[in-house]
PDB file of N, CA and C in Angstrom:
ATOM      1  N   MET A   1      73.076   1.603   0.967  1.00  0.00           N
ATOM      2  CA  MET A   1      73.055   1.833   2.397  1.00  0.00           C
ATOM      3  C   MET A   1      73.679   3.190   2.689  1.00  0.00           C
ATOM      4  N   SER A   2      73.037   3.996   3.485  1.00  0.00           N
ATOM      5  CA  SER A   2      73.571   5.301   3.838  1.00  0.00           C
ATOM      6  C   SER A   2      74.564   5.160   4.999  1.00  0.00           C
ATOM      7  N   GLN A   3      75.606   5.965   4.951  1.00  0.00           N
ATOM      8  CA  GLN A   3      76.682   5.872   5.943  1.00  0.00           C
ATOM      9  C   GLN A   3      76.718   7.112   6.822  1.00  0.00           C
ATOM     10  N   LEU A   4      76.827   6.893   8.108  1.00  0.00           N
ATOM     11  CA  LEU A   4      76.843   7.962   9.106  1.00  0.00           C
ATOM     12  C   LEU A   4      77.996   8.939   8.827  1.00  0.00           C
ATOM     13  N   GLY A   5      77.684  10.244   8.832  1.00  0.00           N
ATOM     14  CA  GLY A   5      78.709  11.271   8.671  1.00  0.00           C
ATOM     15  C   GLY A   5      79.113  11.557   7.246  1.00  0.00           C
ATOM     16  N   LYS A   6      78.492  10.887   6.273  1.00  0.00           N
ATOM     17  CA  LYS A   6      78.856  11.094   4.862  1.00  0.00           C
ATOM     18  C   LYS A   6      77.900  12.104   4.260  1.00  0.00           C
ATOM     19  N   ARG A   7      78.389  12.841   3.252  1.00  0.00           N
ATOM     20  CA  ARG A   7      77.580  13.816   2.537  1.00  0.00           C
ATOM     21  C   ARG A   7      77.199  13.252   1.173  1.00  0.00           C
ATOM     22  N   TYR A   8      75.958  13.538   0.782  1.00  0.00           N
ATOM     23  CA  TYR A   8      75.453  13.095  -0.506  1.00  0.00           C
ATOM     24  C   TYR A   8      74.963  14.312  -1.262  1.00  0.00           C
ATOM     25  N   LYS A   9      75.101  14.283  -2.599  1.00  0.00           N
ATOM     26  CA  LYS A   9      74.758  15.442  -3.406  1.00  0.00           C
ATOM     27  C   LYS A   9      73.914  15.024  -4.616  1.00  0.00           C
ATOM     28  N   CYS A  10      72.921  15.861  -4.949  1.00  0.00           N
ATOM     29  CA  CYS A  10      72.082  15.638  -6.113  1.00  0.00           C
ATOM     30  C   CYS A  10      72.827  16.127  -7.360  1.00  0.00           C
ATOM     31  N   GLY A  11      72.876  15.315  -8.384  1.00  0.00           N
ATOM     32  CA  GLY A  11      73.571  15.675  -9.613  1.00  0.00           C
ATOM     33  C   GLY A  11      72.824  16.703 -10.431  1.00  0.00           C
ATOM     34  N   LYS A  12      71.513  16.832 -10.248  1.00  0.00           N
ATOM     35  CA  LYS A  12      70.696  17.773 -11.035  1.00  0.00           C
ATOM     36  C   LYS A  12      70.648  19.172 -10.421  1.00  0.00           C
ATOM     37  N   CYS A  13      70.215  19.258  -9.162  1.00  0.00           N
ATOM     38  CA  CYS A  13      69.979  20.577  -8.546  1.00  0.00           C
ATOM     39  C   CYS A  13      71.067  21.013  -7.576  1.00  0.00           C
ATOM     40  N   GLY A  14      71.955  20.093  -7.176  1.00  0.00           N
ATOM     41  CA  GLY A  14      73.063  20.466  -6.294  1.00  0.00           C
ATOM     42  C   GLY A  14      72.743  20.406  -4.803  1.00  0.00           C
ATOM     43  N   THR A  15      71.569  19.910  -4.431  1.00  0.00           N
ATOM     44  CA  THR A  15      71.198  19.796  -3.032  1.00  0.00           C
ATOM     45  C   THR A  15      72.148  18.815  -2.316  1.00  0.00           C
ATOM     46  N   GLU A  16      72.605  19.183  -1.138  1.00  0.00           N
ATOM     47  CA  GLU A  16      73.499  18.317  -0.368  1.00  0.00           C
ATOM     48  C   GLU A  16      72.820  17.933   0.948  1.00  0.00           C
ATOM     49  N   VAL A  17      73.046  16.706   1.395  1.00  0.00           N
ATOM     50  CA  VAL A  17      72.542  16.236   2.678  1.00  0.00           C
ATOM     51  C   VAL A  17      73.659  15.581   3.455  1.00  0.00           C
ATOM     52  N   LEU A  18      73.587  15.656   4.766  1.00  0.00           N
ATOM     53  CA  LEU A  18      74.554  15.013   5.660  1.00  0.00           C
ATOM     54  C   LEU A  18      73.794  13.903   6.392  1.00  0.00           C
ATOM     55  N   CYS A  19      74.300  12.703   6.336  1.00  0.00           N
ATOM     56  CA  CYS A  19      73.649  11.554   6.986  1.00  0.00           C
ATOM     57  C   CYS A  19      73.946  11.594   8.491  1.00  0.00           C
ATOM     58  N   THR A  20      72.882  11.673   9.297  1.00  0.00           N
ATOM     59  CA  THR A  20      73.031  11.710  10.744  1.00  0.00           C
ATOM     60  C   THR A  20      72.653  10.416  11.420  1.00  0.00           C
ATOM     61  N   LYS A  21      72.137   9.459  10.617  1.00  0.00           N
ATOM     62  CA  LYS A  21      71.805   8.139  11.160  1.00  0.00           C
ATOM     63  C   LYS A  21      71.948   7.119  10.049  1.00  0.00           C
ATOM     64  N   ALA A  22      72.846   6.164  10.205  1.00  0.00           N
ATOM     65  CA  ALA A  22      73.076   5.141   9.193  1.00  0.00           C
ATOM     66  C   ALA A  22      71.879   4.226   9.076  1.00  0.00           C
ATOM     67  N   GLY A  23      71.681   3.678   7.890  1.00  0.00           N
ATOM     68  CA  GLY A  23      70.551   2.796   7.691  1.00  0.00           C
ATOM     69  C   GLY A  23      70.574   2.129   6.331  1.00  0.00           C
ATOM     70  N   GLU A  24      69.494   1.381   6.096  1.00  0.00           N
ATOM     71  CA  GLU A  24      69.349   0.579   4.877  1.00  0.00           C
ATOM     72  C   GLU A  24      68.616   1.361   3.796  1.00  0.00           C
ATOM     73  N   GLY A  25      68.836   2.579   3.592  1.00  0.00           N
ATOM     74  CA  GLY A  25      68.112   3.319   2.563  1.00  0.00           C
ATOM     75  C   GLY A  25      69.073   4.094   1.688  1.00  0.00           C
ATOM     76  N   THR A  26      68.505   4.762   0.717  1.00  0.00           N
ATOM     77  CA  THR A  26      69.302   5.632  -0.135  1.00  0.00           C
ATOM     78  C   THR A  26      68.622   6.987  -0.172  1.00  0.00           C
ATOM     79  N   PHE A  27      69.388   8.018  -0.401  1.00  0.00           N
ATOM     80  CA  PHE A  27      68.846   9.363  -0.538  1.00  0.00           C
ATOM     81  C   PHE A  27      68.466   9.591  -1.999  1.00  0.00           C
ATOM     82  N   THR A  28      67.297  10.175  -2.242  1.00  0.00           N
ATOM     83  CA  THR A  28      66.901  10.490  -3.603  1.00  0.00           C
ATOM     84  C   THR A  28      66.469  11.944  -3.673  1.00  0.00           C
ATOM     85  N   CYS A  29      66.701  12.555  -4.840  1.00  0.00           N
ATOM     86  CA  CYS A  29      66.330  13.930  -5.086  1.00  0.00           C
ATOM     87  C   CYS A  29      66.115  14.059  -6.594  1.00  0.00           C
ATOM     88  N   CYS A  30      65.130  14.802  -7.003  1.00  0.00           N
ATOM     89  CA  CYS A  30      64.838  15.019  -8.426  1.00  0.00           C
ATOM     90  C   CYS A  30      64.594  13.680  -9.154  1.00  0.00           C
ATOM     91  N   GLY A  31      64.109  12.672  -8.436  1.00  0.00           N
ATOM     92  CA  GLY A  31      63.796  11.378  -9.017  1.00  0.00           C
ATOM     93  C   GLY A  31      65.027  10.464  -9.233  1.00  0.00           C
ATOM     94  N   GLU A  32      66.196  10.864  -8.765  1.00  0.00           N
ATOM     95  CA  GLU A  32      67.407  10.069  -8.930  1.00  0.00           C
ATOM     96  C   GLU A  32      68.094   9.868  -7.600  1.00  0.00           C
ATOM     97  N   GLU A  33      68.890   8.795  -7.512  1.00  0.00           N
ATOM     98  CA  GLU A  33      69.642   8.521  -6.298  1.00  0.00           C
ATOM     99  C   GLU A  33      70.775   9.539  -6.165  1.00  0.00           C
ATOM    100  N   MET A  34      70.971  10.041  -4.945  1.00  0.00           N
ATOM    101  CA  MET A  34      72.031  11.030  -4.709  1.00  0.00           C
ATOM    102  C   MET A  34      73.391  10.317  -4.628  1.00  0.00           C
ATOM    103  N   LYS A  35      74.423  10.982  -5.091  1.00  0.00           N
ATOM    104  CA  LYS A  35      75.784  10.417  -5.126  1.00  0.00           C
ATOM    105  C   LYS A  35      76.552  10.791  -3.864  1.00  0.00           C
ATOM    106  N   LEU A  36      77.384   9.846  -3.391  1.00  0.00           N
ATOM    107  CA  LEU A  36      78.249  10.063  -2.264  1.00  0.00           C
ATOM    108  C   LEU A  36      79.346  11.038  -2.686  1.00  0.00           C
ATOM    109  N   GLN A  37      79.563  12.092  -1.878  1.00  0.00           N
ATOM    110  CA  GLN A  37      80.599  13.071  -2.191  1.00  0.00           C
ATOM    111  C   GLN A  37      81.939  12.573  -1.690  1.00  0.00           C
ATOM    112  N   GLU A  38      82.969  12.842  -2.451  1.00  0.00           N
ATOM    113  CA  GLU A  38      84.326  12.491  -2.047  1.00  0.00           C
ATOM    114  C   GLU A  38      84.845  13.564  -1.106  1.00  0.00           C
ATOM    115  N   PRO A  39      85.644  13.175  -0.119  1.00  0.00           N
ATOM    116  CA  PRO A  39      86.213  14.203   0.790  1.00  0.00           C
ATOM    117  C   PRO A  39      87.133  15.144   0.058  1.00  0.00           C
ATOM    118  N   LYS A  40      87.123  16.393   0.466  1.00  0.00           N
ATOM    119  CA  LYS A  40      88.016  17.392  -0.137  1.00  0.00           C
ATOM    120  C   LYS A  40      89.406  17.239   0.470  1.00  0.00           C
ATOM    121  N   PRO A  41      90.446  17.307  -0.363  1.00  0.00           N
ATOM    122  CA  PRO A  41      91.787  17.193   0.199  1.00  0.00           C
ATOM    123  C   PRO A  41      92.141  18.386   1.075  1.00  0.00           C
ATOM    124  N   LEU A  42      92.831  18.109   2.150  1.00  0.00           N
ATOM    125  CA  LEU A  42      93.284  19.179   3.037  1.00  0.00           C
ATOM    126  C   LEU A  42      94.497  19.870   2.453  1.00  0.00           C
ATOM    127  N   PRO A  43      94.671  21.150   2.691  1.00  0.00           N
ATOM    128  CA  PRO A  43      95.877  21.819   2.192  1.00  0.00           C
ATOM    129  C   PRO A  43      97.110  21.322   2.927  1.00  0.00           C
ATOM    130  N   SER A  44      98.211  21.345   2.266  1.00  0.00           N
ATOM    131  CA  SER A  44      99.445  20.870   2.889  1.00  0.00           C
ATOM    132  C   SER A  44      99.866  21.837   3.987  1.00  0.00           C
ATOM    133  N   SER A  45     100.559  21.332   4.976  1.00  0.00           N
ATOM    134  CA  SER A  45     100.978  22.177   6.108  1.00  0.00           C
ATOM    135  C   SER A  45     102.490  22.389   6.077  1.00  0.00           C
ATOM    136  N   ASP A  46     102.988  22.695   4.879  1.00  0.00           N
ATOM    137  CA  ASP A  46     104.447  22.888   4.734  1.00  0.00           C
ATOM    138  C   ASP A  46     104.930  24.074   5.470  1.00  0.00           C
TER     139      ASP A  46
END
């Protein structure tokens, strides 16, 4: 299931997509399912 506001990335070619509408599908690229990207940590505000 795709999640609204999440980014997905192709492991082969590096294509990234941003989900703008949640639904019952999966993103595919280069014949494989795209992986959900982990959020990047924010820098500390010391």
